[in-house]
């Protein structure tokens, strides 16, 4: 699991030295995940989107989380199984994002990049397998911490104002006014899909 964070840094360094996201729009359009791309049978996007990031802050946060959560998971599962969890999280996170995107206006069917779905998969897998561990900082057991993040991701995805879900869209609009529209620039659907993948994988491998 140490190789993946390093790969993310290498990829973003190469991209940033050639103009970053603004200077590589064609690259992002080709390898980022979009509904339009999948319609054109660019299936590789379901994996390659996780290798790209928008900013240094974006990639560094994911790299740090992947390193520490991945190291924890490798202490419970083999490296091969851990990579399997990461891949399933990547795929299901991407599919979940696309499913939500279908119901958004075309103007909001943006491009997805980032490995947050993989992070959520590893996190839910760890907190499920080591569910009885108590975290004094959060004053909660691991399994409930993981499920809390998973449920929060689902709720925030449903709160997306442009989905127009009665009640949920109103609350989402209020959140956008209080916190800022940036809260819905994040693909909470991808986070939920990745986390769900991690939960399922953990149940499968739980002793």
N, C-alpha and C. Protein backbone atom coordinates (compact mmCIF):
# COMPACT_ATOMS: atom_id res chain seq x y z
N UNK A 1 0.82 -1.21 0.00
CA UNK A 1 0.00 0.00 0.00
C UNK A 1 0.85 1.27 0.00
N UNK A 2 2.14 1.14 0.30
CA UNK A 2 3.03 2.30 0.28
C UNK A 2 3.28 2.79 -1.14
N UNK A 3 3.14 1.90 -2.11
CA UNK A 3 3.43 2.25 -3.51
C UNK A 3 2.39 3.22 -4.06
N UNK A 4 1.12 3.03 -3.70
CA UNK A 4 0.05 3.86 -4.25
C UNK A 4 0.19 5.34 -3.86
N UNK A 5 0.41 5.67 -2.57
CA UNK A 5 0.63 7.08 -2.23
C UNK A 5 1.81 7.69 -2.98
N UNK A 6 2.88 6.91 -3.13
CA UNK A 6 4.05 7.41 -3.86
C UNK A 6 3.70 7.66 -5.32
N UNK A 7 2.91 6.77 -5.91
CA UNK A 7 2.48 6.93 -7.30
C UNK A 7 1.66 8.19 -7.48
N UNK A 8 0.79 8.48 -6.51
CA UNK A 8 -0.03 9.69 -6.58
C UNK A 8 0.83 10.94 -6.58
N UNK A 9 1.87 10.96 -5.74
CA UNK A 9 2.78 12.10 -5.68
C UNK A 9 3.54 12.28 -6.99
N UNK A 10 3.99 11.16 -7.55
CA UNK A 10 4.74 11.22 -8.81
C UNK A 10 3.85 11.75 -9.94
N UNK A 11 2.63 11.22 -10.02
CA UNK A 11 1.71 11.65 -11.07
C UNK A 11 1.39 13.14 -10.95
N UNK A 12 1.08 13.59 -9.72
CA UNK A 12 0.70 15.00 -9.57
C UNK A 12 1.89 15.93 -9.78
N UNK A 13 3.08 15.49 -9.39
CA UNK A 13 4.27 16.29 -9.63
C UNK A 13 4.49 16.48 -11.13
N UNK A 14 4.34 15.41 -11.89
CA UNK A 14 4.50 15.49 -13.34
C UNK A 14 3.44 16.39 -13.97
N UNK A 15 2.21 16.27 -13.48
CA UNK A 15 1.13 17.08 -14.02
C UNK A 15 1.34 18.55 -13.68
N UNK A 16 1.71 18.83 -12.43
CA UNK A 16 1.86 20.22 -11.98
C UNK A 16 3.02 20.93 -12.67
N UNK A 17 4.06 20.18 -13.02
CA UNK A 17 5.20 20.80 -13.70
C UNK A 17 4.90 21.10 -15.17
N UNK A 18 3.77 20.63 -15.64
CA UNK A 18 3.36 20.90 -17.02
C UNK A 18 2.05 21.69 -17.04
N UNK A 19 1.93 22.60 -16.08
CA UNK A 19 0.79 23.52 -16.09
C UNK A 19 -0.35 23.17 -15.18
N UNK A 20 -0.26 22.06 -14.45
CA UNK A 20 -1.34 21.68 -13.54
C UNK A 20 -2.62 21.37 -14.29
N UNK A 21 -3.73 21.46 -13.59
CA UNK A 21 -5.01 21.09 -14.19
C UNK A 21 -5.38 22.02 -15.34
N UNK A 22 -5.02 23.31 -15.24
CA UNK A 22 -5.35 24.27 -16.30
C UNK A 22 -4.54 24.01 -17.56
N UNK A 23 -3.32 23.50 -17.39
CA UNK A 23 -2.48 23.24 -18.55
C UNK A 23 -2.62 21.85 -19.10
N UNK A 24 -3.46 21.03 -18.47
CA UNK A 24 -3.62 19.64 -18.90
C UNK A 24 -5.10 19.26 -18.97
N UNK A 25 -5.90 20.16 -19.52
CA UNK A 25 -7.33 19.90 -19.58
C UNK A 25 -7.66 18.64 -20.37
N UNK A 26 -6.92 18.41 -21.44
CA UNK A 26 -7.16 17.22 -22.26
C UNK A 26 -6.85 15.96 -21.48
N UNK A 27 -5.77 15.98 -20.70
CA UNK A 27 -5.40 14.84 -19.87
C UNK A 27 -6.48 14.54 -18.84
N UNK A 28 -6.98 15.60 -18.18
CA UNK A 28 -8.01 15.42 -17.17
C UNK A 28 -9.32 14.93 -17.80
N UNK A 29 -9.64 15.46 -18.97
CA UNK A 29 -10.85 15.02 -19.66
C UNK A 29 -10.76 13.55 -20.07
N UNK A 30 -9.55 13.11 -20.39
CA UNK A 30 -9.36 11.74 -20.84
C UNK A 30 -9.32 10.74 -19.69
N UNK A 31 -8.66 11.12 -18.60
CA UNK A 31 -8.44 10.16 -17.52
C UNK A 31 -9.23 10.45 -16.24
N UNK A 32 -9.84 11.64 -16.15
CA UNK A 32 -10.77 11.89 -15.06
C UNK A 32 -12.08 11.17 -15.37
N UNK A 33 -12.94 11.01 -14.39
CA UNK A 33 -14.18 10.27 -14.58
C UNK A 33 -15.34 11.22 -14.90
N UNK A 34 -16.01 10.96 -16.00
CA UNK A 34 -17.17 11.77 -16.38
C UNK A 34 -18.22 10.88 -17.01
N UNK A 35 -19.45 11.30 -16.90
CA UNK A 35 -20.56 10.56 -17.51
C UNK A 35 -20.40 10.53 -19.02
N UNK A 36 -19.95 11.64 -19.59
CA UNK A 36 -19.74 11.71 -21.03
C UNK A 36 -18.67 10.72 -21.49
N UNK A 37 -17.59 10.63 -20.69
CA UNK A 37 -16.52 9.70 -21.03
C UNK A 37 -16.98 8.26 -21.01
N UNK A 38 -17.75 7.89 -20.01
CA UNK A 38 -18.25 6.52 -19.91
C UNK A 38 -19.22 6.22 -21.05
N UNK A 39 -20.01 7.21 -21.44
CA UNK A 39 -20.91 7.03 -22.58
C UNK A 39 -20.12 6.75 -23.86
N UNK A 40 -18.89 7.28 -23.91
CA UNK A 40 -18.02 7.05 -25.07
C UNK A 40 -17.14 5.81 -24.88
N UNK A 41 -17.47 4.99 -23.89
CA UNK A 41 -16.77 3.74 -23.61
C UNK A 41 -15.32 3.94 -23.17
N UNK A 42 -15.06 5.05 -22.51
CA UNK A 42 -13.73 5.27 -21.93
C UNK A 42 -13.73 4.66 -20.52
N UNK A 43 -13.86 3.35 -20.47
CA UNK A 43 -14.06 2.61 -19.22
C UNK A 43 -12.88 2.76 -18.26
N UNK A 44 -11.68 2.99 -18.81
CA UNK A 44 -10.50 3.12 -17.95
C UNK A 44 -10.65 4.25 -16.93
N UNK A 45 -11.54 5.19 -17.21
CA UNK A 45 -11.74 6.32 -16.30
C UNK A 45 -12.16 5.87 -14.89
N UNK A 46 -12.81 4.70 -14.80
CA UNK A 46 -13.26 4.19 -13.50
C UNK A 46 -12.10 3.86 -12.57
N UNK A 47 -10.90 3.78 -13.13
CA UNK A 47 -9.70 3.54 -12.32
C UNK A 47 -8.78 4.76 -12.33
N UNK A 48 -8.57 5.33 -13.53
CA UNK A 48 -7.56 6.40 -13.66
C UNK A 48 -7.95 7.69 -12.95
N UNK A 49 -9.24 7.90 -12.69
CA UNK A 49 -9.63 9.13 -11.99
C UNK A 49 -9.00 9.24 -10.61
N UNK A 50 -8.72 8.08 -10.01
CA UNK A 50 -8.17 8.08 -8.66
C UNK A 50 -6.69 8.48 -8.63
N UNK A 51 -6.05 8.51 -9.79
CA UNK A 51 -4.64 8.88 -9.85
C UNK A 51 -4.44 10.38 -10.02
N UNK A 52 -5.49 11.09 -10.39
CA UNK A 52 -5.41 12.53 -10.63
C UNK A 52 -6.00 13.32 -9.47
N UNK A 53 -5.46 14.52 -9.25
CA UNK A 53 -5.96 15.40 -8.20
C UNK A 53 -5.96 16.84 -8.70
N UNK A 54 -6.76 17.67 -8.05
CA UNK A 54 -6.89 19.05 -8.50
C UNK A 54 -5.84 19.99 -7.97
N UNK A 55 -5.43 19.80 -6.71
CA UNK A 55 -4.46 20.71 -6.08
C UNK A 55 -3.47 19.91 -5.23
N UNK A 56 -2.39 20.59 -4.83
CA UNK A 56 -1.43 19.95 -3.93
C UNK A 56 -2.08 19.57 -2.60
N UNK A 57 -2.94 20.45 -2.09
CA UNK A 57 -3.63 20.14 -0.83
C UNK A 57 -4.47 18.88 -0.96
N UNK A 58 -5.16 18.75 -2.08
CA UNK A 58 -6.00 17.59 -2.34
C UNK A 58 -5.19 16.30 -2.33
N UNK A 59 -4.09 16.29 -3.06
CA UNK A 59 -3.29 15.07 -3.16
C UNK A 59 -2.57 14.76 -1.85
N UNK A 60 -2.08 15.78 -1.16
CA UNK A 60 -1.33 15.53 0.08
C UNK A 60 -2.21 14.95 1.18
N UNK A 61 -3.44 15.46 1.29
CA UNK A 61 -4.37 14.91 2.29
C UNK A 61 -4.63 13.44 2.01
N UNK A 62 -4.90 13.11 0.74
CA UNK A 62 -5.18 11.72 0.40
C UNK A 62 -3.95 10.82 0.57
N UNK A 63 -2.78 11.35 0.26
CA UNK A 63 -1.54 10.57 0.41
C UNK A 63 -1.30 10.22 1.87
N UNK A 64 -1.45 11.20 2.75
CA UNK A 64 -1.24 10.97 4.19
C UNK A 64 -2.26 9.95 4.72
N UNK A 65 -3.53 10.12 4.36
CA UNK A 65 -4.56 9.20 4.83
C UNK A 65 -4.34 7.79 4.28
N UNK A 66 -3.99 7.69 3.01
CA UNK A 66 -3.74 6.38 2.41
C UNK A 66 -2.57 5.67 3.09
N UNK A 67 -1.54 6.43 3.40
CA UNK A 67 -0.35 5.82 4.02
C UNK A 67 -0.68 5.24 5.39
N UNK A 68 -1.30 6.06 6.24
CA UNK A 68 -1.53 5.61 7.62
C UNK A 68 -2.66 4.59 7.73
N UNK A 69 -3.76 4.81 6.99
CA UNK A 69 -4.85 3.84 7.04
C UNK A 69 -4.43 2.54 6.35
N UNK A 70 -3.69 2.68 5.24
CA UNK A 70 -3.21 1.50 4.53
C UNK A 70 -2.26 0.68 5.38
N UNK A 71 -1.39 1.35 6.12
CA UNK A 71 -0.46 0.63 6.98
C UNK A 71 -1.21 -0.12 8.08
N UNK A 72 -2.26 0.50 8.59
CA UNK A 72 -3.08 -0.15 9.62
C UNK A 72 -3.78 -1.38 9.04
N UNK A 73 -4.30 -1.24 7.83
CA UNK A 73 -5.01 -2.36 7.21
C UNK A 73 -4.07 -3.51 6.88
N UNK A 74 -2.85 -3.19 6.49
CA UNK A 74 -1.86 -4.23 6.18
C UNK A 74 -1.49 -5.04 7.42
N UNK A 75 -1.76 -4.47 8.59
CA UNK A 75 -1.50 -5.21 9.82
C UNK A 75 -2.60 -6.22 10.13
N UNK A 76 -3.71 -6.09 9.42
CA UNK A 76 -4.86 -6.98 9.64
C UNK A 76 -5.05 -7.94 8.47
N UNK A 77 -4.87 -7.42 7.26
CA UNK A 77 -5.04 -8.21 6.04
C UNK A 77 -3.74 -8.25 5.25
N UNK A 78 -3.63 -9.17 4.34
CA UNK A 78 -2.45 -9.25 3.49
C UNK A 78 -2.42 -8.06 2.53
N UNK A 79 -1.25 -7.78 1.96
CA UNK A 79 -1.13 -6.67 1.01
C UNK A 79 -2.00 -6.91 -0.22
N UNK A 80 -2.09 -8.16 -0.64
CA UNK A 80 -2.90 -8.48 -1.82
C UNK A 80 -4.36 -8.16 -1.57
N UNK A 81 -4.86 -8.55 -0.41
CA UNK A 81 -6.26 -8.30 -0.08
C UNK A 81 -6.50 -6.80 0.11
N UNK A 82 -5.53 -6.11 0.70
CA UNK A 82 -5.65 -4.66 0.89
C UNK A 82 -5.76 -3.94 -0.45
N UNK A 83 -4.97 -4.37 -1.42
CA UNK A 83 -5.04 -3.79 -2.75
C UNK A 83 -6.38 -4.10 -3.41
N UNK A 84 -6.90 -5.29 -3.12
CA UNK A 84 -8.21 -5.67 -3.64
C UNK A 84 -9.28 -4.73 -3.08
N UNK A 85 -9.20 -4.43 -1.80
CA UNK A 85 -10.15 -3.51 -1.16
C UNK A 85 -10.06 -2.13 -1.81
N UNK A 86 -8.82 -1.67 -2.04
CA UNK A 86 -8.60 -0.36 -2.65
C UNK A 86 -9.22 -0.30 -4.05
N UNK A 87 -9.02 -1.35 -4.84
CA UNK A 87 -9.54 -1.37 -6.21
C UNK A 87 -11.06 -1.38 -6.22
N UNK A 88 -11.66 -2.21 -5.38
CA UNK A 88 -13.12 -2.27 -5.31
C UNK A 88 -13.68 -0.93 -4.85
N UNK A 89 -12.98 -0.30 -3.89
CA UNK A 89 -13.41 1.01 -3.41
C UNK A 89 -13.36 2.05 -4.51
N UNK A 90 -12.31 2.00 -5.31
CA UNK A 90 -12.15 2.91 -6.44
C UNK A 90 -13.30 2.73 -7.44
N UNK A 91 -13.59 1.50 -7.79
CA UNK A 91 -14.63 1.20 -8.78
C UNK A 91 -16.02 1.56 -8.29
N UNK A 92 -16.35 1.13 -7.07
CA UNK A 92 -17.69 1.39 -6.55
C UNK A 92 -17.88 2.88 -6.25
N UNK A 93 -16.79 3.54 -5.83
CA UNK A 93 -16.86 4.98 -5.62
C UNK A 93 -17.16 5.70 -6.91
N UNK A 94 -16.50 5.29 -8.00
CA UNK A 94 -16.75 5.90 -9.30
C UNK A 94 -18.15 5.64 -9.81
N UNK A 95 -18.62 4.41 -9.66
CA UNK A 95 -19.97 4.05 -10.11
C UNK A 95 -21.02 4.85 -9.33
N UNK A 96 -20.83 4.99 -8.03
CA UNK A 96 -21.78 5.74 -7.20
C UNK A 96 -21.84 7.21 -7.64
N UNK A 97 -20.67 7.76 -7.95
CA UNK A 97 -20.62 9.13 -8.43
C UNK A 97 -21.41 9.27 -9.74
N UNK A 98 -21.24 8.33 -10.65
CA UNK A 98 -21.94 8.37 -11.93
C UNK A 98 -23.45 8.24 -11.74
N UNK A 99 -23.87 7.39 -10.82
CA UNK A 99 -25.30 7.19 -10.58
C UNK A 99 -25.96 8.48 -10.09
N UNK A 100 -25.26 9.23 -9.24
CA UNK A 100 -25.79 10.50 -8.78
C UNK A 100 -25.75 11.54 -9.90
N UNK A 101 -24.68 11.52 -10.67
CA UNK A 101 -24.50 12.49 -11.75
C UNK A 101 -25.63 12.43 -12.78
N UNK A 102 -26.17 11.24 -13.01
CA UNK A 102 -27.26 11.07 -13.98
C UNK A 102 -28.44 11.98 -13.66
N UNK A 103 -28.66 12.24 -12.36
CA UNK A 103 -29.83 13.02 -11.94
C UNK A 103 -29.53 14.51 -11.78
N UNK A 104 -28.30 14.91 -12.10
CA UNK A 104 -27.93 16.32 -12.00
C UNK A 104 -28.11 17.03 -13.33
N UNK A 105 -28.33 18.34 -13.31
CA UNK A 105 -28.38 19.09 -14.58
C UNK A 105 -27.05 18.93 -15.31
N UNK A 106 -27.08 19.01 -16.63
CA UNK A 106 -25.88 18.81 -17.42
C UNK A 106 -24.77 19.78 -17.04
N UNK A 107 -25.15 20.99 -16.63
CA UNK A 107 -24.16 21.99 -16.25
C UNK A 107 -23.39 21.62 -14.99
N UNK A 108 -23.92 20.68 -14.21
CA UNK A 108 -23.28 20.27 -12.96
C UNK A 108 -22.70 18.86 -13.03
N UNK A 109 -22.68 18.28 -14.20
CA UNK A 109 -22.13 16.93 -14.37
C UNK A 109 -20.62 17.05 -14.56
N UNK A 110 -19.95 17.43 -13.46
CA UNK A 110 -18.53 17.71 -13.52
C UNK A 110 -17.65 16.47 -13.57
N UNK A 111 -16.36 16.75 -13.64
CA UNK A 111 -15.34 15.71 -13.72
C UNK A 111 -14.94 15.29 -12.31
N UNK A 112 -14.77 14.00 -12.11
CA UNK A 112 -14.33 13.49 -10.81
C UNK A 112 -12.87 13.07 -10.86
N UNK A 113 -12.08 13.61 -9.94
CA UNK A 113 -10.68 13.18 -9.77
C UNK A 113 -10.41 13.02 -8.28
N UNK A 114 -9.43 12.20 -7.95
CA UNK A 114 -9.05 12.03 -6.55
C UNK A 114 -9.25 10.62 -6.05
N UNK A 115 -8.50 10.26 -5.02
CA UNK A 115 -8.54 8.90 -4.47
C UNK A 115 -9.31 8.82 -3.16
N UNK A 116 -10.23 9.77 -2.94
CA UNK A 116 -10.99 9.77 -1.69
C UNK A 116 -11.86 8.53 -1.53
N UNK A 117 -12.36 7.99 -2.65
CA UNK A 117 -13.15 6.77 -2.58
C UNK A 117 -12.33 5.60 -2.08
N UNK A 118 -11.06 5.56 -2.47
CA UNK A 118 -10.14 4.51 -2.00
C UNK A 118 -9.87 4.70 -0.51
N UNK A 119 -9.67 5.95 -0.11
CA UNK A 119 -9.44 6.25 1.32
C UNK A 119 -10.61 5.77 2.16
N UNK A 120 -11.83 6.06 1.70
CA UNK A 120 -13.01 5.65 2.45
C UNK A 120 -13.14 4.13 2.51
N UNK A 121 -12.77 3.46 1.43
CA UNK A 121 -12.83 1.99 1.41
C UNK A 121 -11.90 1.40 2.46
N UNK A 122 -10.68 1.90 2.50
CA UNK A 122 -9.70 1.40 3.48
C UNK A 122 -10.15 1.74 4.90
N UNK A 123 -10.68 2.95 5.08
CA UNK A 123 -11.11 3.39 6.41
C UNK A 123 -12.26 2.53 6.94
N UNK A 124 -13.26 2.29 6.11
CA UNK A 124 -14.40 1.46 6.56
C UNK A 124 -13.99 0.03 6.79
N UNK A 125 -13.04 -0.45 5.98
CA UNK A 125 -12.56 -1.82 6.16
C UNK A 125 -11.84 -1.96 7.50
N UNK A 126 -10.99 -0.99 7.82
CA UNK A 126 -10.24 -1.02 9.07
C UNK A 126 -11.17 -0.90 10.28
N UNK A 127 -12.08 0.08 10.23
CA UNK A 127 -12.95 0.31 11.39
C UNK A 127 -13.97 -0.81 11.58
N UNK A 128 -14.23 -1.58 10.54
CA UNK A 128 -15.14 -2.72 10.68
C UNK A 128 -14.40 -3.93 11.22
N UNK A 129 -13.21 -4.20 10.68
CA UNK A 129 -12.43 -5.34 11.13
C UNK A 129 -11.96 -5.18 12.57
N UNK A 130 -11.63 -3.94 12.93
CA UNK A 130 -11.15 -3.65 14.29
C UNK A 130 -12.21 -2.85 15.03
N UNK A 131 -13.45 -3.31 14.91
CA UNK A 131 -14.60 -2.56 15.38
C UNK A 131 -14.67 -2.28 16.86
N UNK A 132 -14.04 -3.10 17.68
CA UNK A 132 -14.12 -2.91 19.13
C UNK A 132 -13.09 -1.92 19.67
N UNK A 133 -12.16 -1.50 18.81
CA UNK A 133 -11.15 -0.53 19.27
C UNK A 133 -11.83 0.78 19.65
N UNK A 134 -11.42 1.33 20.79
CA UNK A 134 -12.02 2.57 21.29
C UNK A 134 -11.09 3.74 21.02
N UNK A 135 -11.64 4.80 20.42
CA UNK A 135 -10.86 6.00 20.13
C UNK A 135 -11.21 7.08 21.15
N UNK A 136 -10.32 7.32 22.12
CA UNK A 136 -10.59 8.30 23.18
C UNK A 136 -10.86 9.70 22.64
N UNK A 137 -10.19 10.07 21.54
CA UNK A 137 -10.37 11.42 20.98
C UNK A 137 -11.81 11.64 20.55
N UNK A 138 -12.40 10.61 19.91
CA UNK A 138 -13.78 10.73 19.43
C UNK A 138 -14.78 10.18 20.44
N UNK A 139 -14.25 9.46 21.45
CA UNK A 139 -15.09 8.82 22.46
C UNK A 139 -16.13 7.89 21.81
N UNK A 140 -15.63 7.06 20.93
CA UNK A 140 -16.51 6.17 20.20
C UNK A 140 -15.71 4.96 19.72
N UNK A 141 -16.39 3.84 19.54
CA UNK A 141 -15.72 2.65 19.02
C UNK A 141 -15.57 2.75 17.51
N UNK A 142 -14.57 2.02 17.01
CA UNK A 142 -14.20 2.14 15.61
C UNK A 142 -15.36 1.87 14.66
N UNK A 143 -16.14 0.82 14.93
CA UNK A 143 -17.20 0.46 13.99
C UNK A 143 -18.24 1.58 13.86
N UNK A 144 -18.53 2.25 14.97
CA UNK A 144 -19.51 3.34 14.92
C UNK A 144 -18.93 4.59 14.27
N UNK A 145 -17.64 4.78 14.44
CA UNK A 145 -16.97 5.91 13.77
C UNK A 145 -17.04 5.73 12.26
N UNK A 146 -16.72 4.53 11.80
CA UNK A 146 -16.77 4.25 10.37
C UNK A 146 -18.17 4.38 9.81
N UNK A 147 -19.15 3.81 10.50
CA UNK A 147 -20.53 3.89 10.04
C UNK A 147 -21.04 5.32 10.05
N UNK A 148 -20.55 6.11 11.00
CA UNK A 148 -20.93 7.52 11.05
C UNK A 148 -20.45 8.27 9.82
N UNK A 149 -19.21 8.02 9.41
CA UNK A 149 -18.67 8.65 8.21
C UNK A 149 -19.44 8.18 6.97
N UNK A 150 -19.76 6.90 6.93
CA UNK A 150 -20.49 6.34 5.78
C UNK A 150 -21.87 6.96 5.66
N UNK A 151 -22.59 7.04 6.78
CA UNK A 151 -23.94 7.61 6.77
C UNK A 151 -23.90 9.10 6.43
N UNK A 152 -22.88 9.80 6.96
CA UNK A 152 -22.75 11.23 6.67
C UNK A 152 -22.54 11.47 5.18
N UNK A 153 -21.75 10.61 4.55
CA UNK A 153 -21.50 10.74 3.11
C UNK A 153 -22.78 10.56 2.31
N UNK A 154 -23.58 9.59 2.70
CA UNK A 154 -24.85 9.34 2.01
C UNK A 154 -25.80 10.52 2.17
N UNK A 155 -25.91 11.01 3.39
CA UNK A 155 -26.83 12.13 3.66
C UNK A 155 -26.40 13.38 2.90
N UNK A 156 -25.11 13.68 2.92
CA UNK A 156 -24.62 14.85 2.19
C UNK A 156 -24.84 14.72 0.69
N UNK A 157 -24.70 13.51 0.17
CA UNK A 157 -24.96 13.28 -1.25
C UNK A 157 -26.42 13.57 -1.57
N UNK A 158 -27.32 13.12 -0.71
CA UNK A 158 -28.75 13.35 -0.91
C UNK A 158 -29.14 14.80 -0.71
N UNK A 159 -28.33 15.54 0.06
CA UNK A 159 -28.60 16.96 0.30
C UNK A 159 -28.24 17.84 -0.89
N UNK A 160 -27.58 17.28 -1.91
CA UNK A 160 -27.18 18.08 -3.07
C UNK A 160 -28.38 18.85 -3.61
N UNK A 161 -28.38 20.18 -3.52
CA UNK A 161 -29.56 20.98 -3.87
C UNK A 161 -30.13 20.70 -5.25
N UNK A 162 -29.26 20.53 -6.25
CA UNK A 162 -29.73 20.36 -7.62
C UNK A 162 -30.38 19.00 -7.88
N UNK A 163 -30.31 18.08 -6.92
CA UNK A 163 -31.03 16.82 -7.07
C UNK A 163 -32.53 17.04 -6.94
N UNK A 164 -32.88 18.07 -6.18
CA UNK A 164 -34.30 18.42 -6.05
C UNK A 164 -35.11 17.46 -5.21
N UNK A 165 -34.48 16.72 -4.31
CA UNK A 165 -35.22 15.80 -3.43
C UNK A 165 -35.97 16.64 -2.39
N UNK A 166 -37.30 16.50 -2.32
CA UNK A 166 -38.08 17.30 -1.37
C UNK A 166 -37.52 17.23 0.05
N UNK A 167 -37.36 18.36 0.66
CA UNK A 167 -36.83 18.42 2.02
C UNK A 167 -35.32 18.42 2.05
N UNK A 168 -34.72 17.44 1.41
CA UNK A 168 -33.27 17.32 1.39
C UNK A 168 -32.62 18.50 0.66
N UNK A 169 -33.22 18.91 -0.47
CA UNK A 169 -32.64 20.00 -1.25
C UNK A 169 -32.70 21.32 -0.49
N UNK A 170 -33.75 21.49 0.31
CA UNK A 170 -33.88 22.71 1.12
C UNK A 170 -32.77 22.77 2.16
N UNK A 171 -32.56 21.64 2.85
CA UNK A 171 -31.50 21.57 3.86
C UNK A 171 -30.14 21.77 3.19
N UNK A 172 -29.95 21.15 2.01
CA UNK A 172 -28.71 21.32 1.27
C UNK A 172 -28.46 22.76 0.91
N UNK A 173 -29.51 23.47 0.50
CA UNK A 173 -29.38 24.89 0.18
C UNK A 173 -28.98 25.71 1.39
N UNK A 174 -29.54 25.37 2.54
CA UNK A 174 -29.19 26.07 3.78
C UNK A 174 -27.73 25.82 4.15
N UNK A 175 -27.28 24.57 3.97
CA UNK A 175 -25.88 24.25 4.25
C UNK A 175 -24.95 25.03 3.33
N UNK A 176 -25.34 25.14 2.07
CA UNK A 176 -24.52 25.86 1.10
C UNK A 176 -24.40 27.33 1.48
N UNK A 177 -25.47 27.90 2.01
CA UNK A 177 -25.45 29.30 2.43
C UNK A 177 -24.60 29.49 3.68
N UNK A 178 -24.68 28.53 4.60
CA UNK A 178 -23.94 28.65 5.86
C UNK A 178 -22.45 28.35 5.71
N UNK A 179 -22.15 27.29 4.98
CA UNK A 179 -20.77 26.81 4.86
C UNK A 179 -20.12 27.25 3.55
N UNK A 180 -20.93 27.33 2.49
CA UNK A 180 -20.41 27.65 1.17
C UNK A 180 -20.72 26.54 0.19
N UNK A 181 -20.81 26.90 -1.09
CA UNK A 181 -21.12 25.91 -2.12
C UNK A 181 -20.07 24.82 -2.23
N UNK A 182 -18.86 25.11 -1.70
CA UNK A 182 -17.75 24.15 -1.82
C UNK A 182 -18.08 22.80 -1.20
N UNK A 183 -19.01 22.79 -0.25
CA UNK A 183 -19.35 21.53 0.42
C UNK A 183 -19.91 20.52 -0.58
N UNK A 184 -20.49 21.01 -1.68
CA UNK A 184 -21.05 20.11 -2.68
C UNK A 184 -20.17 19.99 -3.92
N UNK A 185 -18.98 20.59 -3.85
CA UNK A 185 -17.99 20.36 -4.91
C UNK A 185 -17.33 19.00 -4.71
N UNK A 186 -17.42 18.49 -3.48
CA UNK A 186 -16.89 17.18 -3.13
C UNK A 186 -17.89 16.11 -3.55
N UNK A 187 -17.41 14.99 -4.07
CA UNK A 187 -18.32 13.92 -4.47
C UNK A 187 -18.61 13.02 -3.26
N UNK A 188 -19.63 13.38 -2.52
CA UNK A 188 -20.01 12.58 -1.35
C UNK A 188 -20.53 11.21 -1.79
N UNK A 189 -21.07 11.14 -3.00
CA UNK A 189 -21.53 9.85 -3.52
C UNK A 189 -20.35 8.90 -3.72
N UNK A 190 -19.22 9.45 -4.19
CA UNK A 190 -18.01 8.64 -4.35
C UNK A 190 -17.51 8.15 -2.99
N UNK A 191 -17.54 9.03 -2.00
CA UNK A 191 -17.12 8.65 -0.65
C UNK A 191 -18.01 7.52 -0.12
N UNK A 192 -19.31 7.66 -0.35
CA UNK A 192 -20.24 6.63 0.13
C UNK A 192 -19.99 5.30 -0.57
N UNK A 193 -19.83 5.34 -1.89
CA UNK A 193 -19.59 4.10 -2.64
C UNK A 193 -18.31 3.42 -2.21
N UNK A 194 -17.25 4.21 -2.04
CA UNK A 194 -15.98 3.64 -1.59
C UNK A 194 -16.10 3.05 -0.20
N UNK A 195 -16.76 3.78 0.69
CA UNK A 195 -16.94 3.28 2.06
C UNK A 195 -17.77 2.02 2.11
N UNK A 196 -18.80 1.96 1.28
CA UNK A 196 -19.64 0.77 1.23
C UNK A 196 -18.84 -0.43 0.75
N UNK A 197 -17.95 -0.20 -0.21
CA UNK A 197 -17.08 -1.27 -0.70
C UNK A 197 -16.18 -1.79 0.42
N UNK A 198 -15.63 -0.87 1.20
CA UNK A 198 -14.77 -1.27 2.32
C UNK A 198 -15.52 -2.06 3.37
N UNK A 199 -16.76 -1.65 3.63
CA UNK A 199 -17.60 -2.35 4.61
C UNK A 199 -17.90 -3.77 4.14
N UNK A 200 -18.25 -3.90 2.88
CA UNK A 200 -18.57 -5.23 2.32
C UNK A 200 -17.35 -6.14 2.34
N UNK A 201 -16.20 -5.58 1.95
CA UNK A 201 -14.97 -6.37 1.94
C UNK A 201 -14.60 -6.82 3.35
N UNK A 202 -14.80 -5.95 4.32
CA UNK A 202 -14.49 -6.28 5.71
C UNK A 202 -15.37 -7.42 6.22
N UNK A 203 -16.65 -7.36 5.87
CA UNK A 203 -17.57 -8.41 6.28
C UNK A 203 -17.15 -9.75 5.68
N UNK A 204 -16.65 -9.69 4.45
CA UNK A 204 -16.22 -10.91 3.77
C UNK A 204 -14.99 -11.53 4.41
N UNK A 205 -14.07 -10.68 4.87
CA UNK A 205 -12.79 -11.18 5.40
C UNK A 205 -12.75 -11.20 6.94
N UNK A 206 -13.83 -10.79 7.58
CA UNK A 206 -13.85 -10.77 9.04
C UNK A 206 -13.79 -12.17 9.60
N UNK A 207 -12.91 -12.35 10.57
CA UNK A 207 -12.76 -13.68 11.19
C UNK A 207 -13.77 -13.86 12.32
